[in-house]
């Protein structure tokens, strides 16, 4: 393995490695600009163990349709909207009431739920306009650049990508904090069915957001910058 490759590049080259990094507690989306050595050092993980697991993938069949790095930028935009945006918007709406409900019912015994509800509302208010900016500004500029093969939309693309990176860091940080407060989404013994469903959906949302941010930061944005350089 090339030791100079970043985590994001490794996952972009083989999406199956995302599960290895997730299980090791290594951030491959917002933290995707770090090398494996740096990421392992920060959390005291064994670089050799992770490299061995990645090497084992070389002899395993790869699922068709997951080599996102080979997709055109405009197709990636459509895929992100129709897969990640639509799915996450649905979960975001459901969880807005769920997080508040379990905070109201169980907050006295589990005060972390009150913090989680507050953080979740912050994430909700960040992500809804974030998706809209991507769909109304950045993605149309990328599609037009692919179509016209000009740098007419370069200022829009550069400005929007810079803003999206900042917003990704914010969203990623919020869900990292929710994960910690919930002890990795572990439901306590006195948790009701809504508690169970809420934590399950939060975990699914966080996992999907990590993949979503990875696809943008480490694949789509790189392709867009290549188009206008």
Protein backbone atom coordinates (compact mmCIF):
# COMPACT_ATOMS: atom_id res chain seq x y z
CA UNK A 1 0.00 0.00 0.00
CA UNK A 2 1.17 3.51 -0.84
CA UNK A 3 1.93 5.09 2.56
CA UNK A 4 1.32 8.60 1.15
CA UNK A 5 -2.32 7.88 0.34
CA UNK A 6 -4.90 9.55 2.52
CA UNK A 7 -7.75 7.66 4.16
CA UNK A 8 -10.15 9.33 1.72
CA UNK A 9 -8.11 8.17 -1.27
CA UNK A 10 -7.97 4.61 0.06
CA UNK A 11 -11.76 4.49 0.42
CA UNK A 12 -12.26 6.18 -2.96
CA UNK A 13 -10.10 3.47 -4.57
CA UNK A 14 -11.97 0.65 -2.82
CA UNK A 15 -15.22 1.48 -1.04
CA UNK A 16 -15.09 -1.83 0.88
CA UNK A 17 -12.35 -0.34 3.06
CA UNK A 18 -14.92 2.08 4.56
CA UNK A 19 -16.22 -0.72 6.79
CA UNK A 20 -12.69 -1.48 8.03
CA UNK A 21 -12.13 2.17 8.98
CA UNK A 22 -15.57 2.46 10.57
CA UNK A 23 -14.95 -0.61 12.76
CA UNK A 24 -11.54 0.78 13.77
CA UNK A 25 -13.07 4.13 14.73
CA UNK A 26 -11.25 6.02 11.96
CA UNK A 27 -13.07 8.92 10.28
CA UNK A 28 -12.92 8.44 6.50
CA UNK A 29 -15.14 11.40 5.55
CA UNK A 30 -14.26 14.67 7.30
CA UNK A 31 -10.95 13.16 8.44
CA UNK A 32 -10.26 11.66 5.04
CA UNK A 33 -7.33 13.99 4.35
CA UNK A 34 -5.09 12.20 6.88
CA UNK A 35 -2.69 9.37 6.11
CA UNK A 36 -3.32 5.95 7.62
CA UNK A 37 -0.28 6.36 9.88
CA UNK A 38 -1.57 9.67 11.26
CA UNK A 39 -5.12 8.38 11.77
CA UNK A 40 -3.88 5.25 13.57
CA UNK A 41 -1.53 7.25 15.76
CA UNK A 42 -4.33 9.60 16.87
CA UNK A 43 -6.51 6.76 18.22
CA UNK A 44 -3.69 4.35 19.15
CA UNK A 45 -4.82 1.74 16.59
CA UNK A 46 -2.59 -0.86 14.94
CA UNK A 47 -1.67 0.31 11.44
CA UNK A 48 -0.38 -3.18 10.61
CA UNK A 49 -3.70 -4.82 11.53
CA UNK A 50 -5.64 -2.40 9.35
CA UNK A 51 -3.22 -2.80 6.44
CA UNK A 52 -3.58 -6.58 6.70
CA UNK A 53 -7.38 -6.33 6.60
CA UNK A 54 -7.18 -4.07 3.55
CA UNK A 55 -4.78 -6.51 1.87
CA UNK A 56 -7.27 -9.36 2.42
CA UNK A 57 -9.79 -7.48 0.27
CA UNK A 58 -7.59 -7.87 -2.80
CA UNK A 59 -8.68 -11.50 -3.20
CA UNK A 60 -12.32 -10.87 -2.37
CA UNK A 61 -14.88 -10.08 -5.11
CA UNK A 62 -15.99 -6.46 -5.27
CA UNK A 63 -19.67 -5.66 -5.48
CA UNK A 64 -20.55 -4.18 -8.89
CA UNK A 65 -21.65 -0.56 -8.99
CA UNK A 66 -19.62 0.62 -5.98
CA UNK A 67 -16.59 2.00 -7.82
CA UNK A 68 -17.79 5.58 -7.43
CA UNK A 69 -14.40 6.98 -8.42
CA UNK A 70 -15.06 5.94 -12.03
CA UNK A 71 -18.40 7.74 -12.24
CA UNK A 72 -18.74 11.09 -14.03
CA UNK A 73 -19.23 14.15 -11.83
CA UNK A 74 -22.73 14.93 -13.11
CA UNK A 75 -23.87 11.34 -12.53
CA UNK A 76 -22.44 11.49 -9.01
CA UNK A 77 -24.51 14.62 -8.33
CA UNK A 78 -27.68 12.83 -9.40
CA UNK A 79 -26.81 9.77 -7.35
CA UNK A 80 -26.15 11.80 -4.19
CA UNK A 81 -29.46 13.66 -4.52
CA UNK A 82 -31.56 10.60 -5.32
CA UNK A 83 -29.92 8.31 -2.77
CA UNK A 84 -28.41 10.20 0.16
CA UNK A 85 -30.39 13.44 0.17
CA UNK A 86 -33.79 11.77 -0.15
CA UNK A 87 -33.04 9.10 2.43
CA UNK A 88 -31.47 11.47 4.93
CA UNK A 89 -34.24 14.06 4.57
CA UNK A 90 -36.77 11.37 5.48
CA UNK A 91 -34.79 10.34 8.56
CA UNK A 92 -34.12 13.94 9.55
CA UNK A 93 -37.85 14.70 9.67
CA UNK A 94 -38.70 11.57 11.68
CA UNK A 95 -35.90 12.11 14.19
CA UNK A 96 -36.83 15.72 14.85
CA UNK A 97 -39.85 14.60 16.90
CA UNK A 98 -38.32 11.33 18.17
CA UNK A 99 -35.27 12.92 19.78
CA UNK A 100 -37.43 15.49 21.55
CA UNK A 101 -39.95 12.86 22.66
CA UNK A 102 -37.39 10.61 24.39
CA UNK A 103 -35.75 13.68 25.95
CA UNK A 104 -39.13 14.72 27.41
CA UNK A 105 -39.95 11.21 28.69
CA UNK A 106 -36.54 9.94 29.81
CA UNK A 107 -34.52 13.13 30.25
CA UNK A 108 -34.76 13.16 34.03
CA UNK A 109 -33.03 9.77 34.34
CA UNK A 110 -30.87 10.23 31.24
CA UNK A 111 -29.92 13.92 30.99
CA UNK A 112 -27.70 13.22 27.98
CA UNK A 113 -30.92 12.90 25.95
CA UNK A 114 -31.59 16.60 26.47
CA UNK A 115 -28.14 17.39 25.05
CA UNK A 116 -28.70 14.96 22.18
CA UNK A 117 -32.04 16.59 21.31
CA UNK A 118 -30.38 20.02 21.26
CA UNK A 119 -27.48 18.83 19.13
CA UNK A 120 -29.84 17.02 16.78
CA UNK A 121 -31.90 20.17 16.24
CA UNK A 122 -28.66 21.99 15.40
CA UNK A 123 -27.76 19.27 12.86
CA UNK A 124 -31.26 19.44 11.38
CA UNK A 125 -31.07 23.21 10.96
CA UNK A 126 -27.62 22.89 9.35
CA UNK A 127 -28.34 20.00 6.97
CA UNK A 128 -31.67 21.06 5.45
CA UNK A 129 -30.29 24.31 3.90
CA UNK A 130 -26.99 22.53 3.18
CA UNK A 131 -28.74 20.03 0.90
CA UNK A 132 -30.66 22.86 -0.77
CA UNK A 133 -27.45 24.79 -1.53
CA UNK A 134 -25.95 21.70 -3.08
CA UNK A 135 -29.05 20.99 -5.18
CA UNK A 136 -29.70 24.61 -6.22
CA UNK A 137 -26.16 26.00 -6.60
CA UNK A 138 -23.22 23.59 -6.61
CA UNK A 139 -24.63 20.56 -8.42
CA UNK A 140 -26.20 22.57 -11.29
CA UNK A 141 -22.84 24.35 -11.75
CA UNK A 142 -21.05 21.00 -11.92
CA UNK A 143 -23.58 19.61 -14.40
CA UNK A 144 -23.28 22.69 -16.64
CA UNK A 145 -19.49 22.50 -16.53
CA UNK A 146 -19.58 18.85 -17.62
CA UNK A 147 -22.02 19.79 -20.39
CA UNK A 148 -20.35 22.96 -21.69
CA UNK A 149 -16.71 22.05 -20.93
CA UNK A 150 -15.96 25.68 -19.98
CA UNK A 151 -14.75 27.31 -16.75
CA UNK A 152 -17.69 29.73 -16.70
CA UNK A 153 -18.92 28.30 -13.40
CA UNK A 154 -15.49 28.11 -11.76
CA UNK A 155 -16.11 30.86 -9.15
CA UNK A 156 -19.41 29.26 -8.13
CA UNK A 157 -17.86 25.80 -7.84
CA UNK A 158 -14.81 26.97 -5.89
CA UNK A 159 -16.83 29.11 -3.48
CA UNK A 160 -19.49 26.46 -2.91
CA UNK A 161 -16.98 23.65 -2.33
CA UNK A 162 -15.15 25.71 0.28
CA UNK A 163 -18.44 26.37 2.06
CA UNK A 164 -19.54 22.72 1.81
CA UNK A 165 -16.28 21.55 3.42
CA UNK A 166 -16.89 23.82 6.41
CA UNK A 167 -20.49 22.65 6.76
CA UNK A 168 -19.43 19.00 6.48
CA UNK A 169 -17.01 19.51 9.37
CA UNK A 170 -19.81 21.03 11.44
CA UNK A 171 -22.29 18.23 10.72
CA UNK A 172 -19.68 15.53 11.26
CA UNK A 173 -18.68 17.05 14.58
CA UNK A 174 -22.27 17.18 15.80
CA UNK A 175 -22.87 13.51 15.06
CA UNK A 176 -19.55 12.55 16.66
CA UNK A 177 -20.76 14.25 19.84
CA UNK A 178 -24.19 12.57 19.66
CA UNK A 179 -22.45 9.21 19.23
CA UNK A 180 -20.33 9.80 22.34
CA UNK A 181 -23.24 11.03 24.46
CA UNK A 182 -25.31 7.98 23.49
CA UNK A 183 -22.39 5.61 24.24
CA UNK A 184 -22.38 4.39 20.66
CA UNK A 185 -26.19 4.34 20.49
CA UNK A 186 -26.58 1.85 23.35
CA UNK A 187 -30.12 1.86 24.73
CA UNK A 188 -30.30 1.60 28.55
CA UNK A 189 -32.35 -1.11 30.27
CA UNK A 190 -35.26 1.28 30.93
CA UNK A 191 -35.43 2.48 27.32
CA UNK A 192 -38.85 2.29 25.63
CA UNK A 193 -39.56 1.26 22.02
CA UNK A 194 -39.29 4.87 20.85
CA UNK A 195 -35.87 5.08 22.55
CA UNK A 196 -34.76 1.95 20.60
CA UNK A 197 -36.09 3.25 17.27
CA UNK A 198 -34.56 6.70 17.80
CA UNK A 199 -31.09 5.35 18.50
CA UNK A 200 -31.32 2.93 15.56
CA UNK A 201 -32.31 5.72 13.18
CA UNK A 202 -29.63 8.06 14.55
CA UNK A 203 -27.00 5.40 13.93
CA UNK A 204 -28.27 4.77 10.40
CA UNK A 205 -28.35 8.50 9.70
CA UNK A 206 -24.80 8.98 10.99
CA UNK A 207 -23.51 6.03 8.92
CA UNK A 208 -25.17 7.34 5.77
CA UNK A 209 -23.90 10.88 6.36
CA UNK A 210 -20.34 9.54 6.67
CA UNK A 211 -20.65 7.81 3.27
CA UNK A 212 -22.36 10.89 1.81
CA UNK A 213 -19.62 13.27 3.00
CA UNK A 214 -16.90 10.87 1.82
CA UNK A 215 -18.41 10.75 -1.68
CA UNK A 216 -18.47 14.53 -1.86
CA UNK A 217 -15.20 15.47 -0.13
CA UNK A 218 -13.02 12.72 -1.56
CA UNK A 219 -14.58 12.01 -4.97
CA UNK A 220 -17.12 14.53 -6.31
CA UNK A 221 -15.32 17.70 -5.20
CA UNK A 222 -12.00 16.39 -6.54
CA UNK A 223 -13.63 15.72 -9.91
CA UNK A 224 -15.29 19.16 -9.92
CA UNK A 225 -11.97 20.89 -9.19
CA UNK A 226 -10.34 18.96 -12.02
CA UNK A 227 -13.05 20.21 -14.39
CA UNK A 228 -12.28 23.88 -13.68
CA UNK A 229 -8.54 23.90 -13.03
